Amino acid sequence: MAACMGKVAAGLLTRLQTTAPMVRTLSMSHFLTQKVPCSLWKLGRLNHVAIAVPDLEKAQSFYKSVLGAQVSETVPLPEHGVYTVFVELGNTKLELLHPLGENSPIAGFLQKNKAGGMHHICIEVDDIKAAMAELTEKKIRILSEEPKIGAHGKPVIFLHPKDCDGVLVELEQA
């Protein structure tokens, strides 16, 4: 715990040195007395934003031909009930999702949202098993008992949107 507090203090000191002069007058002892949670896992970067689309070819064409983005080929993921296409954006990606099969979760989403829309965000984590254990302890519902292999060939889990301010959050092993 002391090592974790030391890292937090060092990070806060760096932030204090680079912010407005008024903030620099804050005492470090104030930050050291706060209980900062220390996790065995860390959040990483935003991997992608997933968008459910009713017409995958039209969406691919929009991002490729109109916006000039690099767009992947369509990849079926039957175990997830989706077709996926990735749109490269430089600092992250968009994942275009289209239903595959009758039990596709995307089919249900598109029934409620005929024009499509944002489906989920995906954030990388450095230890998905540790994240699962801690999130379960914090009463965050995980939509599967074990990670599944996602579109990037890495383990993923989904967090219940009711526990995440209405957003379906996917965590992916970095």
Protein backbone atom coordinates (compact mmCIF):
# COMPACT_ATOMS: atom_id res chain seq x y z
CA MET A 1 0.00 0.00 0.00
CA ALA A 2 2.86 2.39 0.82
CA ALA A 3 4.39 1.80 -2.63
CA CYS A 4 1.05 2.57 -4.24
CA MET A 5 0.70 5.78 -2.19
CA GLY A 6 4.22 6.81 -3.22
CA LYS A 7 3.34 6.44 -6.90
CA VAL A 8 0.13 8.40 -6.40
CA ALA A 9 1.99 11.15 -4.56
CA ALA A 10 4.63 11.38 -7.30
CA GLY A 11 1.94 11.60 -9.98
CA LEU A 12 0.06 14.28 -8.06
CA LEU A 13 3.25 16.26 -7.49
CA THR A 14 3.90 16.27 -11.24
CA ARG A 15 0.34 17.46 -11.87
CA LEU A 16 0.64 20.15 -9.21
CA GLN A 17 3.84 21.47 -10.75
CA THR A 18 2.22 21.86 -14.16
CA THR A 19 -1.14 23.41 -13.17
CA ALA A 20 -2.20 26.94 -12.30
CA PRO A 21 -0.24 28.78 -9.53
CA MET A 22 -3.27 28.76 -7.21
CA VAL A 23 -3.36 24.97 -7.25
CA ARG A 24 0.37 24.69 -6.49
CA THR A 25 -0.24 26.02 -2.99
CA LEU A 26 -2.08 22.84 -2.00
CA SER A 27 -0.31 20.71 0.56
CA MET A 28 0.93 17.25 -0.44
CA SER A 29 -0.04 16.01 3.02
CA HIS A 30 -3.69 16.56 2.05
CA PHE A 31 -3.32 14.12 -0.84
CA LEU A 32 -1.38 11.58 1.20
CA THR A 33 -4.09 11.40 3.87
CA GLN A 34 -6.81 10.55 1.32
CA LYS A 35 -7.54 6.89 0.83
CA VAL A 36 -6.62 6.25 -2.80
CA PRO A 37 -7.65 2.80 -4.01
CA CYS A 38 -4.73 0.70 -5.20
CA SER A 39 -5.57 -1.93 -7.81
CA LEU A 40 -3.71 -4.97 -9.04
CA TRP A 41 -4.73 -3.95 -12.58
CA LYS A 42 -4.66 -0.75 -14.59
CA LEU A 43 -6.91 0.81 -17.18
CA GLY A 44 -5.17 1.42 -20.47
CA ARG A 45 -6.12 3.32 -23.59
CA LEU A 46 -9.44 3.54 -25.37
CA ASN A 47 -9.24 0.70 -27.87
CA HIS A 48 -12.40 1.42 -29.86
CA VAL A 49 -15.92 2.79 -29.95
CA ALA A 50 -18.40 0.29 -31.38
CA ILE A 51 -21.26 1.41 -33.59
CA ALA A 52 -24.18 -0.85 -34.52
CA VAL A 53 -25.12 -0.30 -38.17
CA PRO A 54 -28.18 -1.54 -40.07
CA ASP A 55 -26.31 -1.50 -43.43
CA LEU A 56 -22.69 -2.61 -43.08
CA GLU A 57 -21.70 -1.99 -46.72
CA LYS A 58 -23.13 1.55 -46.60
CA ALA A 59 -21.26 2.27 -43.35
CA GLN A 60 -17.99 0.86 -44.75
CA SER A 61 -18.38 3.01 -47.84
CA PHE A 62 -19.06 6.14 -45.78
CA TYR A 63 -15.90 5.81 -43.67
CA LYS A 64 -13.72 4.72 -46.61
CA SER A 65 -15.00 6.76 -49.57
CA VAL A 66 -16.43 9.86 -47.89
CA LEU A 67 -14.10 10.29 -44.91
CA GLY A 68 -11.03 8.60 -46.42
CA ALA A 69 -10.38 6.28 -43.48
CA GLN A 70 -8.60 2.95 -43.65
CA VAL A 71 -11.33 0.30 -43.33
CA SER A 72 -10.78 -3.42 -42.68
CA GLU A 73 -12.48 -6.32 -44.39
CA THR A 74 -15.66 -7.72 -42.83
CA VAL A 75 -14.92 -10.41 -40.24
CA PRO A 76 -17.67 -12.73 -38.98
CA LEU A 77 -17.59 -13.53 -35.25
CA PRO A 78 -20.29 -16.20 -34.86
CA GLU A 79 -19.51 -16.72 -31.14
CA HIS A 80 -20.48 -13.06 -30.56
CA GLY A 81 -23.28 -12.99 -33.16
CA VAL A 82 -21.75 -10.14 -35.16
CA TYR A 83 -19.95 -9.12 -38.29
CA THR A 84 -17.21 -6.61 -37.49
CA VAL A 85 -15.36 -4.01 -39.52
CA PHE A 86 -12.65 -1.80 -38.02
CA VAL A 87 -12.08 1.78 -39.07
CA GLU A 88 -8.57 3.05 -38.21
CA LEU A 89 -8.49 6.58 -36.78
CA GLY A 90 -4.84 6.96 -35.78
CA ASN A 91 -5.27 7.19 -32.01
CA THR A 92 -8.12 4.65 -31.77
CA LYS A 93 -10.61 2.71 -33.90
CA LEU A 94 -14.28 2.50 -34.65
CA GLU A 95 -15.80 -0.98 -34.72
CA LEU A 96 -18.78 -1.29 -37.03
CA LEU A 97 -21.13 -4.05 -35.85
CA HIS A 98 -23.82 -5.81 -37.85
CA PRO A 99 -25.99 -8.78 -36.77
CA LEU A 100 -24.89 -12.32 -37.55
CA GLY A 101 -27.50 -14.98 -36.83
CA GLU A 102 -30.90 -14.87 -35.18
CA ASN A 103 -29.60 -14.56 -31.60
CA SER A 104 -27.34 -11.59 -32.30
CA PRO A 105 -27.33 -8.97 -29.53
CA ILE A 106 -26.88 -6.38 -32.27
CA ALA A 107 -30.18 -7.43 -33.90
CA GLY A 108 -31.98 -6.56 -30.66
CA PHE A 109 -30.13 -3.26 -30.42
CA LEU A 110 -31.08 -2.35 -34.01
CA GLN A 111 -34.74 -3.25 -33.38
CA LYS A 112 -34.77 -0.53 -30.71
CA ASN A 113 -32.49 1.84 -32.66
CA LYS A 114 -33.47 1.51 -36.33
CA ALA A 115 -30.79 3.92 -37.60
CA GLY A 116 -28.06 2.27 -35.50
CA GLY A 117 -25.86 4.08 -33.02
CA MET A 118 -23.14 3.78 -30.44
CA HIS A 119 -23.21 0.30 -28.92
CA HIS A 120 -20.23 0.18 -26.54
CA ILE A 121 -16.78 1.48 -25.71
CA CYS A 122 -13.74 -0.75 -25.30
CA ILE A 123 -10.94 0.05 -22.87
CA GLU A 124 -7.75 -1.96 -22.54
CA VAL A 125 -6.67 -3.41 -19.18
CA ASP A 126 -3.34 -4.95 -18.25
CA ASP A 127 -4.84 -7.86 -16.24
CA ILE A 128 -8.39 -8.84 -17.15
CA LYS A 129 -8.67 -11.55 -14.45
CA ALA A 130 -7.64 -9.13 -11.69
CA ALA A 131 -10.05 -6.55 -13.12
CA MET A 132 -12.87 -9.11 -13.02
CA ALA A 133 -12.14 -10.02 -9.41
CA GLU A 134 -12.02 -6.41 -8.21
CA LEU A 135 -15.05 -5.28 -10.20
CA THR A 136 -17.08 -8.23 -8.89
CA GLU A 137 -16.03 -7.28 -5.36
CA LYS A 138 -17.23 -3.72 -6.08
CA LYS A 139 -20.62 -5.12 -7.20
CA ILE A 140 -20.12 -4.27 -10.89
CA ARG A 141 -21.95 -6.88 -12.93
CA ILE A 142 -19.96 -8.69 -15.62
CA LEU A 143 -22.05 -10.13 -18.43
CA SER A 144 -20.15 -13.43 -18.62
CA GLU A 145 -18.50 -15.67 -16.05
CA GLU A 146 -15.28 -15.94 -18.06
CA PRO A 147 -13.63 -13.75 -20.68
CA LYS A 148 -14.39 -14.56 -24.31
CA ILE A 149 -12.01 -14.08 -27.19
CA GLY A 150 -12.87 -10.81 -28.93
CA ALA A 151 -12.39 -9.42 -32.42
CA HIS A 152 -8.68 -8.74 -31.81
CA GLY A 153 -8.04 -12.30 -30.65
CA LYS A 154 -7.68 -11.20 -27.01
CA PRO A 155 -9.82 -11.93 -23.93
CA VAL A 156 -12.72 -9.51 -23.39
CA ILE A 157 -15.52 -8.98 -20.90
CA PHE A 158 -18.52 -6.66 -20.90
CA LEU A 159 -19.73 -4.66 -17.89
CA HIS A 160 -23.45 -4.15 -17.36
CA PRO A 161 -24.51 -0.71 -18.60
CA LYS A 162 -26.71 -0.14 -15.53
CA ASP A 163 -23.53 -0.24 -13.43
CA CYS A 164 -21.61 2.07 -15.81
CA ASP A 165 -23.85 5.13 -16.13
CA GLY A 166 -25.80 3.68 -19.04
CA VAL A 167 -22.76 2.73 -21.15
CA LEU A 168 -21.93 -0.83 -22.15
CA VAL A 169 -18.21 -1.09 -21.38
CA GLU A 170 -15.97 -3.75 -22.89
CA LEU A 171 -12.64 -4.45 -21.21
CA GLU A 172 -9.94 -6.04 -23.38
CA GLN A 173 -6.70 -7.64 -22.25
CA ALA A 174 -3.89 -5.41 -23.56
